[in-house]
Amino acid sequence: MRKLKLGAVLVAGMLILAFVGAGISHAEDAYTYQYFLTNSAANFMLTTQGISGWQVANFGDNGTVSLNFSNATVNGLYNASYGVGSFRNQGSLAFVNIQPNVELPPATFVGVSFSQGNRAVISDYNYAVNLNFNAFRGSGIVVINLMAGSFSNQLTAVSLSMGKNVVPPPSPASVTILPGNPSLVTLSNQQMAAVAAAVDNDIQVTGRQSAVATIQGTPDVQGLCAITMSAGINNQVIHRVGVNINTNN
C-alpha cells in the first residue's frame, strides 16, 4: 500500500492562469485576480476570485487532469489544487483555528466570485477531470480541488474552529456569485445566456464541446473531506465546508 503521511502540513496549491491562445488583451484592462484572507482572532475567512476584461478573437483548448488515490492513505492535513486551462482562478484553502481555552467569536466565511466584461470566440474545447478513490483511506482533513476549463473561478474552502462560544448563528456564511443566484446548481442555456448578459460577457462557442468530470470509488475519510471537481467554460464554483466545536462545559 502506498502511504502519504502528511502531519500538520499545508500543501497550498493555487494555480494561476497561463495565457494561452491568440487574441487581444490589455494588461491595464484585463485581469484574473484571487485573494484569500484569514484571521484567527476574529475567526474569519474571506475569499475573492475575479476574471474581467479579456478579449480573445480565436480560442481553442483541451486538457485533462487525473489524480490517482487508489490504495492510498493520508494522515493529518492534505490540501491541494490541480488544474489546466486559461483565463482562470483556482484555489483551495484550509483554515484550522484550535484555541480550546479562548473565547472565540462565531466562525464567519465570506466568498465572492465574478466574471464580467469578457469577450471570446471559442472553437473546439475538450476538458476532462478524473479522480480515482478506490480503496482510499484518510484521517484528518482532506481538501482536493480539480478543474479543467477556462474563463472559470473555482474555490474550495474548509475550516475547523475549536473554542469557547465558537458555534455560529444559523446562517454564518455569505457566498456570492455575481449577479446570479448561488443556490442554482444547474442552468439552462437560456439562463446561462441571461447571466452572461447581465455581467456583460460575450462568450461564443462555435465548435465542438466536451467537458467531463468522473470520480471512481468512495473515499473513506475519518474527519473532514471536501472535494470539488469541474470541467468546461465559464464555471463559477464556491465549495465551503465548516465545522465548529464549542469547548464550553
C-alpha atoms as a PDB file:
ATOM      1  CA  MET A   1       0.000   0.000   0.000  1.00  0.00           C
ATOM      2  CA  ARG A   2       1.260   3.421  -0.897  1.00  0.00           C
ATOM      3  CA  LYS A   3       1.227   5.886   2.008  1.00  0.00           C
ATOM      4  CA  LEU A   4       1.264   9.664   2.041  1.00  0.00           C
ATOM      5  CA  LYS A   5       1.957  10.776   5.612  1.00  0.00           C
ATOM      6  CA  LEU A   6       1.390  14.469   5.960  1.00  0.00           C
ATOM      7  CA  GLY A   7       1.363  15.787   9.519  1.00  0.00           C
ATOM      8  CA  ALA A   8       0.036  19.270  10.153  1.00  0.00           C
ATOM      9  CA  VAL A   9       1.473  20.484   6.890  1.00  0.00           C
ATOM     10  CA  LEU A  10      -0.466  22.593   4.465  1.00  0.00           C
ATOM     11  CA  VAL A  11       0.220  21.974   0.818  1.00  0.00           C
ATOM     12  CA  ALA A  12      -1.399  25.013  -0.692  1.00  0.00           C
ATOM     13  CA  GLY A  13      -1.973  24.720  -4.383  1.00  0.00           C
ATOM     14  CA  MET A  14      -3.034  27.893  -6.040  1.00  0.00           C
ATOM     15  CA  LEU A  15      -2.734  27.704  -9.786  1.00  0.00           C
ATOM     16  CA  ILE A  16      -2.897  30.993 -11.589  1.00  0.00           C
ATOM     17  CA  LEU A  17      -3.702  31.099 -15.279  1.00  0.00           C
ATOM     18  CA  ALA A  18      -1.200  30.810 -18.051  1.00  0.00           C
ATOM     19  CA  PHE A  19      -2.052  32.885 -21.099  1.00  0.00           C
ATOM     20  CA  VAL A  20      -2.683  30.528 -23.990  1.00  0.00           C
ATOM     21  CA  GLY A  21      -4.096  31.305 -27.414  1.00  0.00           C
ATOM     22  CA  ALA A  22      -4.219  34.186 -29.803  1.00  0.00           C
ATOM     23  CA  GLY A  23      -6.166  37.331 -29.112  1.00  0.00           C
ATOM     24  CA  ILE A  24      -6.101  40.920 -27.986  1.00  0.00           C
ATOM     25  CA  SER A  25      -5.618  41.796 -24.360  1.00  0.00           C
ATOM     26  CA  HIS A  26      -4.527  44.896 -22.498  1.00  0.00           C
ATOM     27  CA  ALA A  27      -2.760  44.469 -19.184  1.00  0.00           C
ATOM     28  CA  GLU A  28      -4.310  47.613 -17.751  1.00  0.00           C
ATOM     29  CA  ASP A  29      -7.855  46.414 -18.548  1.00  0.00           C
ATOM     30  CA  ALA A  30      -7.775  42.609 -18.362  1.00  0.00           C
ATOM     31  CA  TYR A  31      -7.028  40.627 -15.238  1.00  0.00           C
ATOM     32  CA  THR A  32      -7.557  37.482 -13.252  1.00  0.00           C
ATOM     33  CA  TYR A  33      -7.465  38.016  -9.524  1.00  0.00           C
ATOM     34  CA  GLN A  34      -7.787  35.983  -6.364  1.00  0.00           C
ATOM     35  CA  TYR A  35      -7.280  36.960  -2.756  1.00  0.00           C
ATOM     36  CA  PHE A  36      -7.541  34.925   0.455  1.00  0.00           C
ATOM     37  CA  LEU A  37      -7.640  36.326   3.980  1.00  0.00           C
ATOM     38  CA  THR A  38      -7.894  34.518   7.318  1.00  0.00           C
ATOM     39  CA  ASN A  39      -7.911  35.979  10.825  1.00  0.00           C
ATOM     40  CA  SER A  40      -7.646  33.619  13.785  1.00  0.00           C
ATOM     41  CA  ALA A  41      -8.594  36.264  16.381  1.00  0.00           C
ATOM     42  CA  ALA A  42     -11.770  37.217  14.511  1.00  0.00           C
ATOM     43  CA  ASN A  43     -12.268  33.600  13.327  1.00  0.00           C
ATOM     44  CA  PHE A  44     -12.904  34.920   9.831  1.00  0.00           C
ATOM     45  CA  MET A  45     -12.270  33.767   6.237  1.00  0.00           C
ATOM     46  CA  LEU A  46     -12.584  35.953   3.136  1.00  0.00           C
ATOM     47  CA  THR A  47     -12.047  34.861  -0.476  1.00  0.00           C
ATOM     48  CA  THR A  48     -12.360  36.779  -3.742  1.00  0.00           C
ATOM     49  CA  GLN A  49     -11.903  35.490  -7.290  1.00  0.00           C
ATOM     50  CA  GLY A  50     -12.472  37.556 -10.420  1.00  0.00           C
ATOM     51  CA  ILE A  51     -11.948  37.476 -14.195  1.00  0.00           C
ATOM     52  CA  SER A  52     -12.543  40.590 -16.257  1.00  0.00           C
ATOM     53  CA  GLY A  53     -11.760  42.400 -19.490  1.00  0.00           C
ATOM     54  CA  TRP A  54     -10.290  39.618 -21.637  1.00  0.00           C
ATOM     55  CA  GLN A  55     -10.762  39.886 -25.399  1.00  0.00           C
ATOM     56  CA  VAL A  56      -9.854  36.765 -27.352  1.00  0.00           C
ATOM     57  CA  ALA A  57     -10.718  36.554 -31.043  1.00  0.00           C
ATOM     58  CA  ASN A  58      -9.956  32.872 -31.608  1.00  0.00           C
ATOM     59  CA  PHE A  59      -9.549  30.428 -28.752  1.00  0.00           C
ATOM     60  CA  GLY A  60      -9.422  26.645 -28.581  1.00  0.00           C
ATOM     61  CA  ASP A  61      -8.159  24.494 -25.766  1.00  0.00           C
ATOM     62  CA  ASN A  62      -8.006  20.990 -24.349  1.00  0.00           C
ATOM     63  CA  GLY A  63      -6.612  19.335 -21.271  1.00  0.00           C
ATOM     64  CA  THR A  64      -7.041  16.522 -18.772  1.00  0.00           C
ATOM     65  CA  VAL A  65      -6.445  16.455 -15.017  1.00  0.00           C
ATOM     66  CA  SER A  66      -6.101  12.988 -13.463  1.00  0.00           C
ATOM     67  CA  LEU A  67      -5.451  12.242  -9.806  1.00  0.00           C
ATOM     68  CA  ASN A  68      -4.965   8.681  -8.598  1.00  0.00           C
ATOM     69  CA  PHE A  69      -5.515   7.980  -4.905  1.00  0.00           C
ATOM     70  CA  SER A  70      -6.120   4.263  -5.403  1.00  0.00           C
ATOM     71  CA  ASN A  71      -4.915   2.278  -2.346  1.00  0.00           C
ATOM     72  CA  ALA A  72      -3.520   5.471  -0.800  1.00  0.00           C
ATOM     73  CA  THR A  73      -3.580   6.551   2.836  1.00  0.00           C
ATOM     74  CA  VAL A  74      -3.473  10.174   4.031  1.00  0.00           C
ATOM     75  CA  ASN A  75      -2.991  11.129   7.689  1.00  0.00           C
ATOM     76  CA  GLY A  76      -3.134  14.673   9.020  1.00  0.00           C
ATOM     77  CA  LEU A  77      -3.903  17.528   6.645  1.00  0.00           C
ATOM     78  CA  TYR A  78      -3.829  17.291   2.838  1.00  0.00           C
ATOM     79  CA  ASN A  79      -4.777  20.334   0.746  1.00  0.00           C
ATOM     80  CA  ALA A  80      -4.105  20.577  -2.981  1.00  0.00           C
ATOM     81  CA  SER A  81      -5.396  22.066  -6.242  1.00  0.00           C
ATOM     82  CA  TYR A  82      -4.701  20.694  -9.692  1.00  0.00           C
ATOM     83  CA  GLY A  83      -5.934  22.156 -12.958  1.00  0.00           C
ATOM     84  CA  VAL A  84      -5.446  23.028 -16.606  1.00  0.00           C
ATOM     85  CA  GLY A  85      -6.892  25.812 -18.736  1.00  0.00           C
ATOM     86  CA  SER A  86      -6.563  29.515 -19.398  1.00  0.00           C
ATOM     87  CA  PHE A  87      -8.010  32.780 -18.053  1.00  0.00           C
ATOM     88  CA  ARG A  88      -8.975  31.252 -14.729  1.00  0.00           C
ATOM     89  CA  ASN A  89      -8.571  31.285 -10.953  1.00  0.00           C
ATOM     90  CA  GLN A  90      -8.324  28.185  -8.814  1.00  0.00           C
ATOM     91  CA  GLY A  91      -7.606  27.850  -5.134  1.00  0.00           C
ATOM     92  CA  SER A  92      -8.078  25.686  -2.059  1.00  0.00           C
ATOM     93  CA  LEU A  93      -7.970  26.986   1.481  1.00  0.00           C
ATOM     94  CA  ALA A  94      -7.797  25.063   4.763  1.00  0.00           C
ATOM     95  CA  PHE A  95      -8.212  27.146   7.933  1.00  0.00           C
ATOM     96  CA  VAL A  96      -7.622  25.397  11.280  1.00  0.00           C
ATOM     97  CA  ASN A  97      -8.192  27.511  14.392  1.00  0.00           C
ATOM     98  CA  ILE A  98      -7.879  25.454  17.599  1.00  0.00           C
ATOM     99  CA  GLN A  99      -7.905  27.531  20.799  1.00  0.00           C
ATOM    100  CA  PRO A 100      -9.949  25.461  23.274  1.00  0.00           C
ATOM    101  CA  ASN A 101      -9.405  27.781  26.257  1.00  0.00           C
ATOM    102  CA  VAL A 102     -10.035  31.039  24.388  1.00  0.00           C
ATOM    103  CA  GLU A 103     -13.320  32.855  23.815  1.00  0.00           C
ATOM    104  CA  LEU A 104     -13.695  32.872  20.030  1.00  0.00           C
ATOM    105  CA  PRO A 105     -16.319  34.735  18.023  1.00  0.00           C
ATOM    106  CA  PRO A 106     -18.599  32.673  15.782  1.00  0.00           C
ATOM    107  CA  ALA A 107     -16.827  31.466  12.637  1.00  0.00           C
ATOM    108  CA  THR A 108     -17.625  33.541   9.542  1.00  0.00           C
ATOM    109  CA  PHE A 109     -16.975  32.941   5.854  1.00  0.00           C
ATOM    110  CA  VAL A 110     -17.417  35.436   3.004  1.00  0.00           C
ATOM    111  CA  GLY A 111     -16.774  34.310  -0.572  1.00  0.00           C
ATOM    112  CA  VAL A 112     -17.121  36.383  -3.743  1.00  0.00           C
ATOM    113  CA  SER A 113     -16.725  35.156  -7.336  1.00  0.00           C
ATOM    114  CA  PHE A 114     -17.242  37.147 -10.529  1.00  0.00           C
ATOM    115  CA  SER A 115     -16.664  37.026 -14.277  1.00  0.00           C
ATOM    116  CA  GLN A 116     -17.510  40.144 -16.251  1.00  0.00           C
ATOM    117  CA  GLY A 117     -16.655  42.115 -19.361  1.00  0.00           C
ATOM    118  CA  ASN A 118     -15.035  39.190 -21.174  1.00  0.00           C
ATOM    119  CA  ARG A 119     -15.244  38.679 -24.967  1.00  0.00           C
ATOM    120  CA  ALA A 120     -14.248  35.368 -26.520  1.00  0.00           C
ATOM    121  CA  VAL A 121     -14.960  33.308 -29.620  1.00  0.00           C
ATOM    122  CA  ILE A 122     -14.202  29.711 -28.675  1.00  0.00           C
ATOM    123  CA  SER A 123     -13.749  26.986 -31.259  1.00  0.00           C
ATOM    124  CA  ASP A 124     -13.304  23.384 -30.116  1.00  0.00           C
ATOM    125  CA  TYR A 125     -12.631  22.573 -26.489  1.00  0.00           C
ATOM    126  CA  ASN A 126     -12.158  19.238 -24.770  1.00  0.00           C
ATOM    127  CA  TYR A 127     -11.727  19.091 -20.983  1.00  0.00           C
ATOM    128  CA  ALA A 128     -11.727  16.143 -18.609  1.00  0.00           C
ATOM    129  CA  VAL A 129     -11.227  15.657 -14.868  1.00  0.00           C
ATOM    130  CA  ASN A 130     -10.646  12.171 -13.444  1.00  0.00           C
ATOM    131  CA  LEU A 131     -10.345  11.201  -9.787  1.00  0.00           C
ATOM    132  CA  ASN A 132      -9.707   7.657  -8.546  1.00  0.00           C
ATOM    133  CA  PHE A 133     -10.607   6.959  -4.907  1.00  0.00           C
ATOM    134  CA  ASN A 134     -10.693   3.161  -4.969  1.00  0.00           C
ATOM    135  CA  ALA A 135      -9.595   1.825  -1.561  1.00  0.00           C
ATOM    136  CA  PHE A 136      -8.616   5.325  -0.359  1.00  0.00           C
ATOM    137  CA  ARG A 137      -8.389   5.936   3.386  1.00  0.00           C
ATOM    138  CA  GLY A 138      -7.821   9.196   5.176  1.00  0.00           C
ATOM    139  CA  SER A 139      -7.881  10.657   8.657  1.00  0.00           C
ATOM    140  CA  GLY A 140      -7.814  14.342   9.498  1.00  0.00           C
ATOM    141  CA  ILE A 141      -8.600  16.957   6.837  1.00  0.00           C
ATOM    142  CA  VAL A 142      -8.574  16.244   3.099  1.00  0.00           C
ATOM    143  CA  VAL A 143      -9.167  19.096   0.630  1.00  0.00           C
ATOM    144  CA  ILE A 144      -8.986  18.446  -3.125  1.00  0.00           C
ATOM    145  CA  ASN A 145      -9.784  20.948  -5.881  1.00  0.00           C
ATOM    146  CA  LEU A 146      -9.695  19.772  -9.519  1.00  0.00           C
ATOM    147  CA  MET A 147     -10.568  21.874 -12.564  1.00  0.00           C
ATOM    148  CA  ALA A 148     -10.185  21.602 -16.327  1.00  0.00           C
ATOM    149  CA  GLY A 149     -11.501  24.672 -18.102  1.00  0.00           C
ATOM    150  CA  SER A 150     -11.172  28.333 -18.977  1.00  0.00           C
ATOM    151  CA  PHE A 151     -12.791  31.640 -18.011  1.00  0.00           C
ATOM    152  CA  SER A 152     -13.702  29.978 -14.698  1.00  0.00           C
ATOM    153  CA  ASN A 153     -13.361  30.584 -10.961  1.00  0.00           C
ATOM    154  CA  GLN A 154     -13.232  27.665  -8.549  1.00  0.00           C
ATOM    155  CA  LEU A 155     -12.672  27.642  -4.799  1.00  0.00           C
ATOM    156  CA  THR A 156     -12.730  25.014  -2.062  1.00  0.00           C
ATOM    157  CA  ALA A 157     -12.668  26.408   1.489  1.00  0.00           C
ATOM    158  CA  VAL A 158     -12.608  24.283   4.647  1.00  0.00           C
ATOM    159  CA  SER A 159     -12.474  25.499   8.231  1.00  0.00           C
ATOM    160  CA  LEU A 160     -12.189  23.770  11.595  1.00  0.00           C
ATOM    161  CA  SER A 161     -12.731  26.038  14.613  1.00  0.00           C
ATOM    162  CA  MET A 162     -12.494  24.982  18.251  1.00  0.00           C
ATOM    163  CA  GLY A 163     -13.011  27.393  21.122  1.00  0.00           C
ATOM    164  CA  LYS A 164     -15.429  28.800  23.670  1.00  0.00           C
ATOM    165  CA  ASN A 165     -18.719  30.057  22.180  1.00  0.00           C
ATOM    166  CA  VAL A 166     -17.397  29.412  18.680  1.00  0.00           C
ATOM    167  CA  VAL A 167     -20.657  27.910  17.399  1.00  0.00           C
ATOM    168  CA  PRO A 168     -22.055  30.300  14.771  1.00  0.00           C
ATOM    169  CA  PRO A 169     -25.617  31.548  14.285  1.00  0.00           C
ATOM    170  CA  PRO A 170     -27.846  29.602  11.848  1.00  0.00           C
ATOM    171  CA  SER A 171     -26.639  31.409   8.688  1.00  0.00           C
ATOM    172  CA  PRO A 172     -22.992  32.465   9.161  1.00  0.00           C
ATOM    173  CA  ALA A 173     -21.804  32.112   5.585  1.00  0.00           C
ATOM    174  CA  SER A 174     -22.067  34.615   2.794  1.00  0.00           C
ATOM    175  CA  VAL A 175     -21.414  33.278  -0.693  1.00  0.00           C
ATOM    176  CA  THR A 176     -21.994  35.462  -3.727  1.00  0.00           C
ATOM    177  CA  ILE A 177     -21.691  34.536  -7.374  1.00  0.00           C
ATOM    178  CA  LEU A 178     -22.429  37.810  -9.078  1.00  0.00           C
ATOM    179  CA  PRO A 179     -25.007  38.560 -10.291  1.00  0.00           C
ATOM    180  CA  GLY A 180     -26.748  35.171 -10.353  1.00  0.00           C
ATOM    181  CA  ASN A 181     -28.346  33.084  -7.668  1.00  0.00           C
ATOM    182  CA  PRO A 182     -25.721  30.958  -5.853  1.00  0.00           C
ATOM    183  CA  SER A 183     -28.376  28.403  -4.913  1.00  0.00           C
ATOM    184  CA  LEU A 184     -28.817  27.349  -8.542  1.00  0.00           C
ATOM    185  CA  VAL A 185     -26.953  24.145  -9.299  1.00  0.00           C
ATOM    186  CA  THR A 186     -27.861  23.719 -12.961  1.00  0.00           C
ATOM    187  CA  LEU A 187     -28.839  26.344 -15.502  1.00  0.00           C
ATOM    188  CA  SER A 188     -30.430  26.042 -18.899  1.00  0.00           C
ATOM    189  CA  ASN A 189     -28.773  27.581 -21.963  1.00  0.00           C
ATOM    190  CA  GLN A 190     -31.261  30.443 -21.755  1.00  0.00           C
ATOM    191  CA  GLN A 191     -30.444  31.072 -18.100  1.00  0.00           C
ATOM    192  CA  MET A 192     -26.714  30.939 -18.810  1.00  0.00           C
ATOM    193  CA  ALA A 193     -27.175  33.480 -21.597  1.00  0.00           C
ATOM    194  CA  ALA A 194     -29.109  35.750 -19.241  1.00  0.00           C
ATOM    195  CA  VAL A 195     -26.431  35.550 -16.541  1.00  0.00           C
ATOM    196  CA  ALA A 196     -23.678  36.201 -19.107  1.00  0.00           C
ATOM    197  CA  ALA A 197     -25.523  39.227 -20.496  1.00  0.00           C
ATOM    198  CA  ALA A 198     -26.042  40.655 -17.010  1.00  0.00           C
ATOM    199  CA  VAL A 199     -22.303  40.782 -16.408  1.00  0.00           C
ATOM    200  CA  ASP A 200     -21.556  41.953 -19.943  1.00  0.00           C
ATOM    201  CA  ASN A 201     -19.810  38.746 -21.002  1.00  0.00           C
ATOM    202  CA  ASP A 202     -19.911  37.684 -24.633  1.00  0.00           C
ATOM    203  CA  ILE A 203     -18.582  34.123 -24.869  1.00  0.00           C
ATOM    204  CA  GLN A 204     -19.500  32.299 -28.067  1.00  0.00           C
ATOM    205  CA  VAL A 205     -18.736  28.646 -28.751  1.00  0.00           C
ATOM    206  CA  THR A 206     -18.548  27.794 -32.458  1.00  0.00           C
ATOM    207  CA  GLY A 207     -17.014  24.301 -32.434  1.00  0.00           C
ATOM    208  CA  ARG A 208     -17.289  21.009 -30.633  1.00  0.00           C
ATOM    209  CA  GLN A 209     -17.758  20.998 -26.882  1.00  0.00           C
ATOM    210  CA  SER A 210     -16.685  18.281 -24.460  1.00  0.00           C
ATOM    211  CA  ALA A 211     -16.442  18.620 -20.680  1.00  0.00           C
ATOM    212  CA  VAL A 212     -16.456  15.542 -18.439  1.00  0.00           C
ATOM    213  CA  ALA A 213     -15.770  15.058 -14.709  1.00  0.00           C
ATOM    214  CA  THR A 214     -15.618  11.492 -13.365  1.00  0.00           C
ATOM    215  CA  ILE A 215     -14.893  10.005  -9.951  1.00  0.00           C
ATOM    216  CA  GLN A 216     -14.249   6.355  -9.149  1.00  0.00           C
ATOM    217  CA  GLY A 217     -14.736   4.844  -5.719  1.00  0.00           C
ATOM    218  CA  THR A 218     -15.837   6.418  -2.447  1.00  0.00           C
ATOM    219  CA  PRO A 219     -13.268   7.981  -0.094  1.00  0.00           C
ATOM    220  CA  ASP A 220     -13.153   6.594   3.433  1.00  0.00           C
ATOM    221  CA  VAL A 221     -12.189   9.643   5.490  1.00  0.00           C
ATOM    222  CA  GLN A 222     -12.407   9.875   9.271  1.00  0.00           C
ATOM    223  CA  GLY A 223     -12.613  13.614   9.774  1.00  0.00           C
ATOM    224  CA  LEU A 224     -13.225  16.410   7.265  1.00  0.00           C
ATOM    225  CA  CYS A 225     -13.269  15.923   3.490  1.00  0.00           C
ATOM    226  CA  ALA A 226     -14.111  18.433   0.736  1.00  0.00           C
ATOM    227  CA  ILE A 227     -13.761  17.568  -2.956  1.00  0.00           C
ATOM    228  CA  THR A 228     -14.531  19.974  -5.815  1.00  0.00           C
ATOM    229  CA  MET A 229     -14.437  18.993  -9.498  1.00  0.00           C
ATOM    230  CA  SER A 230     -15.492  20.864 -12.636  1.00  0.00           C
ATOM    231  CA  ALA A 231     -14.854  20.897 -16.370  1.00  0.00           C
ATOM    232  CA  GLY A 232     -15.899  23.385 -19.025  1.00  0.00           C
ATOM    233  CA  ILE A 233     -16.113  27.070 -19.881  1.00  0.00           C
ATOM    234  CA  ASN A 234     -17.169  29.993 -17.659  1.00  0.00           C
ATOM    235  CA  ASN A 235     -17.868  27.978 -14.490  1.00  0.00           C
ATOM    236  CA  GLN A 236     -18.225  29.819 -11.174  1.00  0.00           C
ATOM    237  CA  VAL A 237     -17.856  27.419  -8.233  1.00  0.00           C
ATOM    238  CA  ILE A 238     -17.554  28.018  -4.475  1.00  0.00           C
ATOM    239  CA  HIS A 239     -17.473  24.954  -2.207  1.00  0.00           C
ATOM    240  CA  ARG A 240     -17.444  25.724   1.507  1.00  0.00           C
ATOM    241  CA  VAL A 241     -17.304  23.268   4.442  1.00  0.00           C
ATOM    242  CA  GLY A 242     -17.089  24.430   8.059  1.00  0.00           C
ATOM    243  CA  VAL A 243     -17.017  22.609  11.410  1.00  0.00           C
ATOM    244  CA  ASN A 244     -17.255  24.460  14.727  1.00  0.00           C
ATOM    245  CA  ILE A 245     -16.633  22.814  18.129  1.00  0.00           C
ATOM    246  CA  ASN A 246     -17.708  24.616  21.291  1.00  0.00           C
ATOM    247  CA  THR A 247     -15.439  23.814  24.268  1.00  0.00           C
ATOM    248  CA  ASN A 248     -17.682  25.422  26.891  1.00  0.00           C
ATOM    249  CA  ASN A 249     -18.686  22.986  29.632  1.00  0.00           C
END
